[in-house]
Amino acid sequence: MNASVERVRDALAELIKAALISDDAASLACRDAGRTKLAALAGDPPDPASLRMDGAWTLAIQEAETPELAPLEGQVNLTLPRACPFTLEAIVAPGFDVDQAVDHIRKIASTG
């Protein structure tokens, strides 16, 4: 896996975790981590040709599904679409709203 994919995966994984975790403090910590990682991406954006967002999204879902987080996850049953709901351009754009992104992830996930 190339560094660009890893960086995008890590940022998306924080957003997914924030959407899944019921505990407000833990969710906020993931949102803050996501903001930090997204700011780093915006400061040094990856070449769009070097990654596929859908692939980074799939890897992010896998990262967010770790067994140690399962007890904290109570917001949604993680059944997310295969296609990434965000473009690279959107996540590195000034003004990308992490809270709206987390809310969007909650809405697109199956609530079983």
Protein backbone atom coordinates (compact mmCIF):
# COMPACT_ATOMS: atom_id res chain seq x y z
CA MET A 1 0.00 0.00 0.00
CA ASN A 2 1.37 3.42 -0.87
CA ALA A 3 1.72 6.30 1.57
CA SER A 4 -1.08 8.31 -0.05
CA VAL A 5 -3.57 5.50 0.44
CA GLU A 6 -2.45 5.03 4.05
CA ARG A 7 -2.87 8.72 4.86
CA VAL A 8 -6.35 8.90 3.33
CA ARG A 9 -7.35 5.59 4.92
CA ASP A 10 -6.26 6.80 8.34
CA ALA A 11 -8.25 10.03 8.04
CA LEU A 12 -11.38 8.27 6.80
CA ALA A 13 -11.08 5.62 9.52
CA GLU A 14 -11.24 8.32 12.19
CA LEU A 15 -14.45 9.66 10.65
CA ILE A 16 -15.96 6.18 10.55
CA LYS A 17 -14.98 5.51 14.16
CA ALA A 18 -16.49 8.84 15.23
CA ALA A 19 -19.73 7.85 13.49
CA LEU A 20 -19.86 4.46 15.18
CA ILE A 21 -18.82 5.21 18.73
CA SER A 22 -21.65 5.98 21.11
CA ASP A 23 -19.54 7.55 23.84
CA ASP A 24 -19.45 11.29 23.20
CA ALA A 25 -15.94 11.82 24.54
CA ALA A 26 -14.50 8.95 22.50
CA SER A 27 -16.36 10.10 19.38
CA LEU A 28 -15.02 13.62 19.90
CA ALA A 29 -11.48 12.26 20.21
CA CYS A 30 -11.91 10.48 16.86
CA ARG A 31 -13.31 13.66 15.29
CA ASP A 32 -10.31 15.61 16.55
CA ALA A 33 -7.92 12.96 15.25
CA GLY A 34 -9.76 13.06 11.92
CA ARG A 35 -9.44 16.86 11.77
CA THR A 36 -5.71 16.61 12.42
CA LYS A 37 -5.23 13.97 9.72
CA LEU A 38 -7.38 15.86 7.23
CA ALA A 39 -5.43 19.06 7.91
CA ALA A 40 -2.20 17.19 7.17
CA LEU A 41 -3.73 15.90 3.93
CA ALA A 42 -4.86 19.40 2.97
CA GLY A 43 -1.39 20.76 3.69
CA ASP A 44 0.25 18.12 1.51
CA PRO A 45 -2.48 16.65 -0.70
CA PRO A 46 -1.78 13.34 -2.36
CA ASP A 47 -1.71 13.07 -6.12
CA PRO A 48 -5.20 11.90 -7.15
CA ALA A 49 -3.57 9.51 -9.61
CA SER A 50 -1.77 7.78 -6.72
CA LEU A 51 -4.89 6.43 -5.03
CA ARG A 52 -8.42 5.22 -5.46
CA MET A 53 -10.80 6.66 -2.90
CA ASP A 54 -13.02 3.56 -2.94
CA GLY A 55 -10.00 1.43 -2.04
CA ALA A 56 -8.95 3.79 0.76
CA TRP A 57 -12.58 3.78 2.01
CA THR A 58 -12.69 -0.03 2.12
CA LEU A 59 -9.43 -0.13 4.05
CA ALA A 60 -10.73 2.55 6.41
CA ILE A 61 -13.84 0.48 7.16
CA GLN A 62 -11.61 -2.51 7.96
CA GLU A 63 -9.49 -0.36 10.27
CA ALA A 64 -12.58 0.99 12.04
CA GLU A 65 -13.98 -2.51 12.60
CA THR A 66 -11.31 -3.50 15.10
CA PRO A 67 -12.54 -5.84 17.86
CA GLU A 68 -11.32 -3.55 20.63
CA LEU A 69 -13.68 -0.80 19.44
CA ALA A 70 -16.72 -3.08 19.17
CA PRO A 71 -17.92 -2.46 22.75
CA LEU A 72 -17.93 1.30 22.10
CA GLU A 73 -19.77 1.09 18.80
CA GLY A 74 -23.45 1.64 19.32
CA GLN A 75 -24.52 4.31 16.86
CA VAL A 76 -24.98 2.19 13.75
CA ASN A 77 -24.56 -1.32 12.49
CA LEU A 78 -21.61 -0.88 10.15
CA THR A 79 -22.98 -1.68 6.74
CA LEU A 80 -21.48 1.05 4.65
CA PRO A 81 -21.50 1.37 0.88
CA ARG A 82 -18.52 0.14 -1.07
CA ALA A 83 -18.11 3.49 -2.78
CA CYS A 84 -16.49 6.26 -0.78
CA PRO A 85 -19.04 8.97 -0.02
CA PHE A 86 -16.36 11.66 -0.28
CA THR A 87 -14.01 12.73 -3.02
CA LEU A 88 -10.36 13.50 -2.41
CA GLU A 89 -11.04 17.07 -3.49
CA ALA A 90 -13.80 17.38 -0.87
CA ILE A 91 -11.78 16.08 2.08
CA VAL A 92 -8.81 18.35 1.39
CA ALA A 93 -10.93 21.44 0.61
CA PRO A 94 -10.93 24.34 3.03
CA GLY A 95 -14.03 24.23 5.15
CA PHE A 96 -14.56 20.46 4.99
CA ASP A 97 -16.93 19.90 7.91
CA VAL A 98 -15.94 16.86 9.95
CA ASP A 99 -19.14 16.94 11.99
CA GLN A 100 -21.30 16.91 8.84
CA ALA A 101 -19.14 14.11 7.40
CA VAL A 102 -19.61 12.00 10.54
CA ASP A 103 -23.35 12.67 10.44
CA HIS A 104 -23.43 11.67 6.77
CA ILE A 105 -21.63 8.40 7.55
CA ARG A 106 -24.19 7.64 10.25
CA LYS A 107 -27.02 8.28 7.81
CA ILE A 108 -25.65 6.13 5.00
CA ALA A 109 -24.87 3.19 7.29
CA SER A 110 -27.53 0.55 7.72
CA THR A 111 -29.23 0.81 11.06
CA GLY A 112 -30.19 -2.84 10.93
